[in-house]
Amino acid sequence: MSQVTGIVLAGGQGRRMGGVDKGLKLLRDRPLVQWVLERLGPQVQEVLLNANQNLGAYSAFGCRVVPDAIAGFAGPLAGLQSGLTAAQHELVVTVPCDSPFLPTDLVARLEDALVRTDADLAVAKTGNQPHPVFCLCRRTLLPHLTAFLESGGRKIDAWYATLKVAEVPFDDEAAAFSNINTREELAAFDAAGPA
């Protein structure tokens, strides 16, 4: 296993949840980001939090907080760019702050595929659906990503199309990729009890 930096992407505006900072919303009395950190932390050697608001609240979780270098909530690729810039390790994994039940073997399975196929990036997939914010990539992609962003690119799939990507099936853990986008989804998960 290589040394891996984890980046929790919490830099969005939470528009579908009414413009709130999703990572700090409570699920069963704990912030969503705390659930994510507890699942991701044991899988990596360093964790960075990408956030663009409430930086003090995020720094209280004991991780270095890295805001986007690009203004205006430019999306997950901007968070990845900041993470790649700050990462101490050659491999970097990203996960969103709103998927509290992410797989506990996510990094191992993504890394296995990345190495086996000599890909630039490995991404989780369930059925026919890739989950682009659950990815493991090489830090050497930073100049390529920066050029893409500077040219106005924002869409993850458009950037992926320029890379050698390994898609990694997680059909055995499909529910682990459930994410919480709305207040209604949060209430439903809250009522459902432990995962």
C-alpha atoms as a PDB file:
ATOM      1  CA  MET A   1       0.000   0.000   0.000  1.00  0.00           C
ATOM      2  CA  SER A   2       1.231   3.466  -0.893  1.00  0.00           C
ATOM      3  CA  GLN A   3       1.035   6.560   1.252  1.00  0.00           C
ATOM      4  CA  VAL A   4      -2.229   8.327   0.427  1.00  0.00           C
ATOM      5  CA  THR A   5      -3.632  11.781   1.151  1.00  0.00           C
ATOM      6  CA  GLY A   6      -7.402  11.944   1.605  1.00  0.00           C
ATOM      7  CA  ILE A   7      -9.398  15.026   0.648  1.00  0.00           C
ATOM      8  CA  VAL A   8     -12.915  15.507   2.001  1.00  0.00           C
ATOM      9  CA  LEU A   9     -14.750  17.773  -0.426  1.00  0.00           C
ATOM     10  CA  ALA A  10     -16.871  20.183   1.625  1.00  0.00           C
ATOM     11  CA  GLY A  11     -16.456  23.242  -0.564  1.00  0.00           C
ATOM     12  CA  GLY A  12     -19.911  23.457  -2.114  1.00  0.00           C
ATOM     13  CA  GLN A  13     -22.785  25.801  -1.411  1.00  0.00           C
ATOM     14  CA  GLY A  14     -25.347  23.133  -0.508  1.00  0.00           C
ATOM     15  CA  ARG A  15     -27.878  24.691  -2.881  1.00  0.00           C
ATOM     16  CA  ARG A  16     -30.235  21.690  -2.841  1.00  0.00           C
ATOM     17  CA  MET A  17     -30.297  21.877   0.955  1.00  0.00           C
ATOM     18  CA  GLY A  18     -31.219  25.542   1.000  1.00  0.00           C
ATOM     19  CA  GLY A  19     -27.744  27.036   0.801  1.00  0.00           C
ATOM     20  CA  VAL A  20     -26.414  25.516   4.030  1.00  0.00           C
ATOM     21  CA  ASP A  21     -22.951  24.081   4.602  1.00  0.00           C
ATOM     22  CA  LYS A  22     -23.793  20.392   4.220  1.00  0.00           C
ATOM     23  CA  GLY A  23     -20.718  19.008   5.931  1.00  0.00           C
ATOM     24  CA  LEU A  24     -21.751  20.659   9.192  1.00  0.00           C
ATOM     25  CA  LYS A  25     -25.374  19.466   9.127  1.00  0.00           C
ATOM     26  CA  LEU A  26     -26.111  16.952  11.866  1.00  0.00           C
ATOM     27  CA  LEU A  27     -26.941  13.312  11.223  1.00  0.00           C
ATOM     28  CA  ARG A  28     -27.874  11.554  14.472  1.00  0.00           C
ATOM     29  CA  ASP A  29     -26.292  14.395  16.465  1.00  0.00           C
ATOM     30  CA  ARG A  30     -22.948  14.357  14.614  1.00  0.00           C
ATOM     31  CA  PRO A  31     -21.874  16.537  11.674  1.00  0.00           C
ATOM     32  CA  LEU A  32     -21.882  14.734   8.324  1.00  0.00           C
ATOM     33  CA  VAL A  33     -18.196  15.497   7.857  1.00  0.00           C
ATOM     34  CA  GLN A  34     -17.395  13.699  11.115  1.00  0.00           C
ATOM     35  CA  TRP A  35     -19.000  10.496   9.808  1.00  0.00           C
ATOM     36  CA  VAL A  36     -16.924  10.794   6.642  1.00  0.00           C
ATOM     37  CA  LEU A  37     -13.686  11.449   8.546  1.00  0.00           C
ATOM     38  CA  GLU A  38     -14.246   8.396  10.741  1.00  0.00           C
ATOM     39  CA  ARG A  39     -14.596   6.168   7.670  1.00  0.00           C
ATOM     40  CA  LEU A  40     -11.833   7.724   5.579  1.00  0.00           C
ATOM     41  CA  GLY A  41      -9.247   8.469   8.281  1.00  0.00           C
ATOM     42  CA  PRO A  42      -8.098   4.864   8.882  1.00  0.00           C
ATOM     43  CA  GLN A  43      -7.607   4.343   5.118  1.00  0.00           C
ATOM     44  CA  VAL A  44      -5.130   7.199   4.530  1.00  0.00           C
ATOM     45  CA  GLN A  45      -1.988   8.731   6.039  1.00  0.00           C
ATOM     46  CA  GLU A  46      -3.139  12.373   5.809  1.00  0.00           C
ATOM     47  CA  VAL A  47      -6.562  14.024   5.631  1.00  0.00           C
ATOM     48  CA  LEU A  48      -7.261  17.457   4.171  1.00  0.00           C
ATOM     49  CA  LEU A  49     -10.623  19.207   4.323  1.00  0.00           C
ATOM     50  CA  ASN A  50     -11.570  21.291   1.293  1.00  0.00           C
ATOM     51  CA  ALA A  51     -13.969  24.007   2.460  1.00  0.00           C
ATOM     52  CA  ASN A  52     -14.825  27.534   1.345  1.00  0.00           C
ATOM     53  CA  GLN A  53     -16.892  28.741   4.290  1.00  0.00           C
ATOM     54  CA  ASN A  54     -16.981  28.127   8.053  1.00  0.00           C
ATOM     55  CA  LEU A  55     -13.245  27.403   7.973  1.00  0.00           C
ATOM     56  CA  GLY A  56     -12.957  27.674  11.753  1.00  0.00           C
ATOM     57  CA  ALA A  57     -15.672  25.080  12.279  1.00  0.00           C
ATOM     58  CA  TYR A  58     -13.938  22.688   9.874  1.00  0.00           C
ATOM     59  CA  SER A  59     -10.497  23.204  11.403  1.00  0.00           C
ATOM     60  CA  ALA A  60     -11.972  22.031  14.725  1.00  0.00           C
ATOM     61  CA  PHE A  61     -11.985  18.481  13.279  1.00  0.00           C
ATOM     62  CA  GLY A  62      -8.177  18.437  13.512  1.00  0.00           C
ATOM     63  CA  CYS A  63      -7.411  18.407   9.779  1.00  0.00           C
ATOM     64  CA  ARG A  64      -5.739  21.020   7.633  1.00  0.00           C
ATOM     65  CA  VAL A  65      -8.401  23.044   5.803  1.00  0.00           C
ATOM     66  CA  VAL A  66      -7.652  23.983   2.185  1.00  0.00           C
ATOM     67  CA  PRO A  67     -10.025  26.390   0.403  1.00  0.00           C
ATOM     68  CA  ASP A  68     -10.358  26.493  -3.377  1.00  0.00           C
ATOM     69  CA  ALA A  69      -7.733  28.560  -5.182  1.00  0.00           C
ATOM     70  CA  ILE A  70     -10.456  29.499  -7.704  1.00  0.00           C
ATOM     71  CA  ALA A  71     -13.129  31.900  -6.462  1.00  0.00           C
ATOM     72  CA  GLY A  72     -16.856  31.406  -6.830  1.00  0.00           C
ATOM     73  CA  PHE A  73     -17.525  27.816  -5.683  1.00  0.00           C
ATOM     74  CA  ALA A  74     -16.071  26.281  -8.858  1.00  0.00           C
ATOM     75  CA  GLY A  75     -17.007  22.696  -7.982  1.00  0.00           C
ATOM     76  CA  PRO A  76     -15.244  19.487  -6.966  1.00  0.00           C
ATOM     77  CA  LEU A  77     -12.389  19.831  -9.457  1.00  0.00           C
ATOM     78  CA  ALA A  78     -11.379  23.089  -7.764  1.00  0.00           C
ATOM     79  CA  GLY A  79     -11.351  21.205  -4.453  1.00  0.00           C
ATOM     80  CA  LEU A  80      -9.239  18.465  -5.986  1.00  0.00           C
ATOM     81  CA  GLN A  81      -6.815  21.061  -7.342  1.00  0.00           C
ATOM     82  CA  SER A  82      -6.348  22.616  -3.886  1.00  0.00           C
ATOM     83  CA  GLY A  83      -5.950  19.174  -2.371  1.00  0.00           C
ATOM     84  CA  LEU A  84      -3.356  18.078  -4.937  1.00  0.00           C
ATOM     85  CA  THR A  85      -1.441  21.303  -4.282  1.00  0.00           C
ATOM     86  CA  ALA A  86      -1.406  20.735  -0.516  1.00  0.00           C
ATOM     87  CA  ALA A  87      -1.042  16.928  -0.445  1.00  0.00           C
ATOM     88  CA  GLN A  88       2.079  15.394   1.053  1.00  0.00           C
ATOM     89  CA  HIS A  89       1.699  12.065  -0.736  1.00  0.00           C
ATOM     90  CA  GLU A  90       1.821  10.963  -4.368  1.00  0.00           C
ATOM     91  CA  LEU A  91      -1.626   9.374  -4.338  1.00  0.00           C
ATOM     92  CA  VAL A  92      -4.700  11.413  -3.457  1.00  0.00           C
ATOM     93  CA  VAL A  93      -8.234  10.162  -2.833  1.00  0.00           C
ATOM     94  CA  THR A  94     -11.330  12.369  -2.785  1.00  0.00           C
ATOM     95  CA  VAL A  95     -14.658  11.751  -1.091  1.00  0.00           C
ATOM     96  CA  PRO A  96     -17.649  14.073  -0.645  1.00  0.00           C
ATOM     97  CA  CYS A  97     -18.663  15.365   2.780  1.00  0.00           C
ATOM     98  CA  ASP A  98     -22.256  14.163   2.298  1.00  0.00           C
ATOM     99  CA  SER A  99     -21.692  10.386   2.010  1.00  0.00           C
ATOM    100  CA  PRO A 100     -21.494   9.299   5.643  1.00  0.00           C
ATOM    101  CA  PHE A 101     -21.443   5.551   4.926  1.00  0.00           C
ATOM    102  CA  LEU A 102     -18.613   5.422   2.354  1.00  0.00           C
ATOM    103  CA  PRO A 103     -16.822   2.062   1.978  1.00  0.00           C
ATOM    104  CA  THR A 104     -14.161   1.249   4.545  1.00  0.00           C
ATOM    105  CA  ASP A 105     -12.154  -0.484   1.795  1.00  0.00           C
ATOM    106  CA  LEU A 106     -12.533   2.321  -0.753  1.00  0.00           C
ATOM    107  CA  VAL A 107      -8.858   3.313  -0.929  1.00  0.00           C
ATOM    108  CA  ALA A 108      -7.500  -0.249  -1.084  1.00  0.00           C
ATOM    109  CA  ARG A 109      -9.783  -1.214  -3.964  1.00  0.00           C
ATOM    110  CA  LEU A 110      -9.190   1.989  -5.925  1.00  0.00           C
ATOM    111  CA  GLU A 111      -5.423   1.702  -5.450  1.00  0.00           C
ATOM    112  CA  ASP A 112      -5.396  -1.920  -6.557  1.00  0.00           C
ATOM    113  CA  ALA A 113      -7.105  -0.958  -9.837  1.00  0.00           C
ATOM    114  CA  LEU A 114      -4.947   2.146 -10.350  1.00  0.00           C
ATOM    115  CA  VAL A 115      -1.727   0.151 -10.008  1.00  0.00           C
ATOM    116  CA  ARG A 116      -2.940  -2.909 -11.899  1.00  0.00           C
ATOM    117  CA  THR A 117      -4.045  -0.901 -14.945  1.00  0.00           C
ATOM    118  CA  ASP A 118      -1.390   1.821 -14.678  1.00  0.00           C
ATOM    119  CA  ALA A 119      -4.201   4.389 -14.860  1.00  0.00           C
ATOM    120  CA  ASP A 120      -4.039   8.117 -14.106  1.00  0.00           C
ATOM    121  CA  LEU A 121      -7.122   7.883 -11.962  1.00  0.00           C
ATOM    122  CA  ALA A 122      -9.404   5.198 -10.475  1.00  0.00           C
ATOM    123  CA  VAL A 123     -13.066   5.923  -9.849  1.00  0.00           C
ATOM    124  CA  ALA A 124     -15.733   3.992  -7.961  1.00  0.00           C
ATOM    125  CA  LYS A 125     -18.722   2.676  -9.909  1.00  0.00           C
ATOM    126  CA  THR A 126     -21.977   0.906  -9.033  1.00  0.00           C
ATOM    127  CA  GLY A 127     -23.934  -0.673 -11.871  1.00  0.00           C
ATOM    128  CA  ASN A 128     -23.492   1.627 -14.862  1.00  0.00           C
ATOM    129  CA  GLN A 129     -23.073   4.686 -12.642  1.00  0.00           C
ATOM    130  CA  PRO A 130     -19.585   6.068 -11.964  1.00  0.00           C
ATOM    131  CA  HIS A 131     -19.193   8.127  -8.775  1.00  0.00           C
ATOM    132  CA  PRO A 132     -16.651  10.715  -9.949  1.00  0.00           C
ATOM    133  CA  VAL A 133     -16.065  12.359  -6.579  1.00  0.00           C
ATOM    134  CA  PHE A 134     -14.932   8.992  -5.171  1.00  0.00           C
ATOM    135  CA  CYS A 135     -11.608   8.843  -6.977  1.00  0.00           C
ATOM    136  CA  LEU A 136      -7.956   8.055  -6.406  1.00  0.00           C
ATOM    137  CA  CYS A 137      -5.485   9.899  -8.598  1.00  0.00           C
ATOM    138  CA  ARG A 138      -1.819  10.655  -8.943  1.00  0.00           C
ATOM    139  CA  ARG A 139      -0.523  14.004  -7.675  1.00  0.00           C
ATOM    140  CA  THR A 140       1.367  14.355 -10.969  1.00  0.00           C
ATOM    141  CA  LEU A 141      -2.001  15.265 -12.564  1.00  0.00           C
ATOM    142  CA  LEU A 142      -1.916  18.705 -10.901  1.00  0.00           C
ATOM    143  CA  PRO A 143      -0.494  20.661 -13.901  1.00  0.00           C
ATOM    144  CA  HIS A 144      -2.946  18.940 -16.264  1.00  0.00           C
ATOM    145  CA  LEU A 145      -5.903  19.719 -13.958  1.00  0.00           C
ATOM    146  CA  THR A 146      -4.769  23.321 -13.452  1.00  0.00           C
ATOM    147  CA  ALA A 147      -4.580  23.842 -17.225  1.00  0.00           C
ATOM    148  CA  PHE A 148      -8.087  22.362 -17.599  1.00  0.00           C
ATOM    149  CA  LEU A 149      -9.482  24.705 -14.919  1.00  0.00           C
ATOM    150  CA  GLU A 150      -7.669  27.734 -16.316  1.00  0.00           C
ATOM    151  CA  SER A 151      -9.214  27.028 -19.730  1.00  0.00           C
ATOM    152  CA  GLY A 152     -12.660  27.297 -18.100  1.00  0.00           C
ATOM    153  CA  GLY A 153     -13.292  23.565 -17.625  1.00  0.00           C
ATOM    154  CA  ARG A 154     -15.437  22.632 -14.620  1.00  0.00           C
ATOM    155  CA  LYS A 155     -17.099  19.300 -15.464  1.00  0.00           C
ATOM    156  CA  ILE A 156     -15.510  16.228 -13.912  1.00  0.00           C
ATOM    157  CA  ASP A 157     -16.498  13.914 -16.757  1.00  0.00           C
ATOM    158  CA  ALA A 158     -14.965  16.263 -19.348  1.00  0.00           C
ATOM    159  CA  TRP A 159     -11.662  16.183 -17.459  1.00  0.00           C
ATOM    160  CA  TYR A 160     -11.806  12.404 -16.967  1.00  0.00           C
ATOM    161  CA  ALA A 161     -12.260  12.009 -20.731  1.00  0.00           C
ATOM    162  CA  THR A 162      -8.697  13.278 -21.191  1.00  0.00           C
ATOM    163  CA  LEU A 163      -7.207  10.703 -18.792  1.00  0.00           C
ATOM    164  CA  LYS A 164      -6.637   6.958 -18.514  1.00  0.00           C
ATOM    165  CA  VAL A 165      -9.349   6.016 -16.025  1.00  0.00           C
ATOM    166  CA  ALA A 166      -9.929   2.703 -14.240  1.00  0.00           C
ATOM    167  CA  GLU A 167     -13.545   2.195 -13.203  1.00  0.00           C
ATOM    168  CA  VAL A 168     -13.794   0.044 -10.076  1.00  0.00           C
ATOM    169  CA  PRO A 169     -17.048  -1.852  -9.406  1.00  0.00           C
ATOM    170  CA  PHE A 170     -18.489  -1.552  -5.910  1.00  0.00           C
ATOM    171  CA  ASP A 171     -21.805  -3.272  -6.580  1.00  0.00           C
ATOM    172  CA  ASP A 172     -21.339  -5.262  -3.376  1.00  0.00           C
ATOM    173  CA  GLU A 173     -21.393  -1.980  -1.409  1.00  0.00           C
ATOM    174  CA  ALA A 174     -23.766   0.129  -3.503  1.00  0.00           C
ATOM    175  CA  ALA A 175     -25.559   1.586  -0.465  1.00  0.00           C
ATOM    176  CA  ALA A 176     -22.249   2.954   0.825  1.00  0.00           C
ATOM    177  CA  PHE A 177     -22.384   5.630  -1.877  1.00  0.00           C
ATOM    178  CA  SER A 178     -25.689   7.075  -0.672  1.00  0.00           C
ATOM    179  CA  ASN A 179     -25.312  10.801  -0.383  1.00  0.00           C
ATOM    180  CA  ILE A 180     -27.436  13.398   1.330  1.00  0.00           C
ATOM    181  CA  ASN A 181     -28.407  16.358  -0.831  1.00  0.00           C
ATOM    182  CA  THR A 182     -31.674  17.600   0.646  1.00  0.00           C
ATOM    183  CA  ARG A 183     -33.206  18.202   4.062  1.00  0.00           C
ATOM    184  CA  GLU A 184     -35.689  15.401   3.280  1.00  0.00           C
ATOM    185  CA  GLU A 185     -32.888  12.901   2.605  1.00  0.00           C
ATOM    186  CA  LEU A 186     -31.161  13.961   5.811  1.00  0.00           C
ATOM    187  CA  ALA A 187     -34.375  13.447   7.795  1.00  0.00           C
ATOM    188  CA  ALA A 188     -34.871  10.012   6.216  1.00  0.00           C
ATOM    189  CA  PHE A 189     -31.343   8.870   7.094  1.00  0.00           C
ATOM    190  CA  ASP A 190     -31.723  10.364  10.574  1.00  0.00           C
ATOM    191  CA  ALA A 191     -34.887   8.342  11.163  1.00  0.00           C
ATOM    192  CA  ALA A 192     -33.452   5.131   9.720  1.00  0.00           C
ATOM    193  CA  GLY A 193     -31.050   4.533  12.598  1.00  0.00           C
ATOM    194  CA  PRO A 194     -27.497   3.175  12.443  1.00  0.00           C
ATOM    195  CA  ALA A 195     -26.122   2.100   9.073  1.00  0.00           C
END
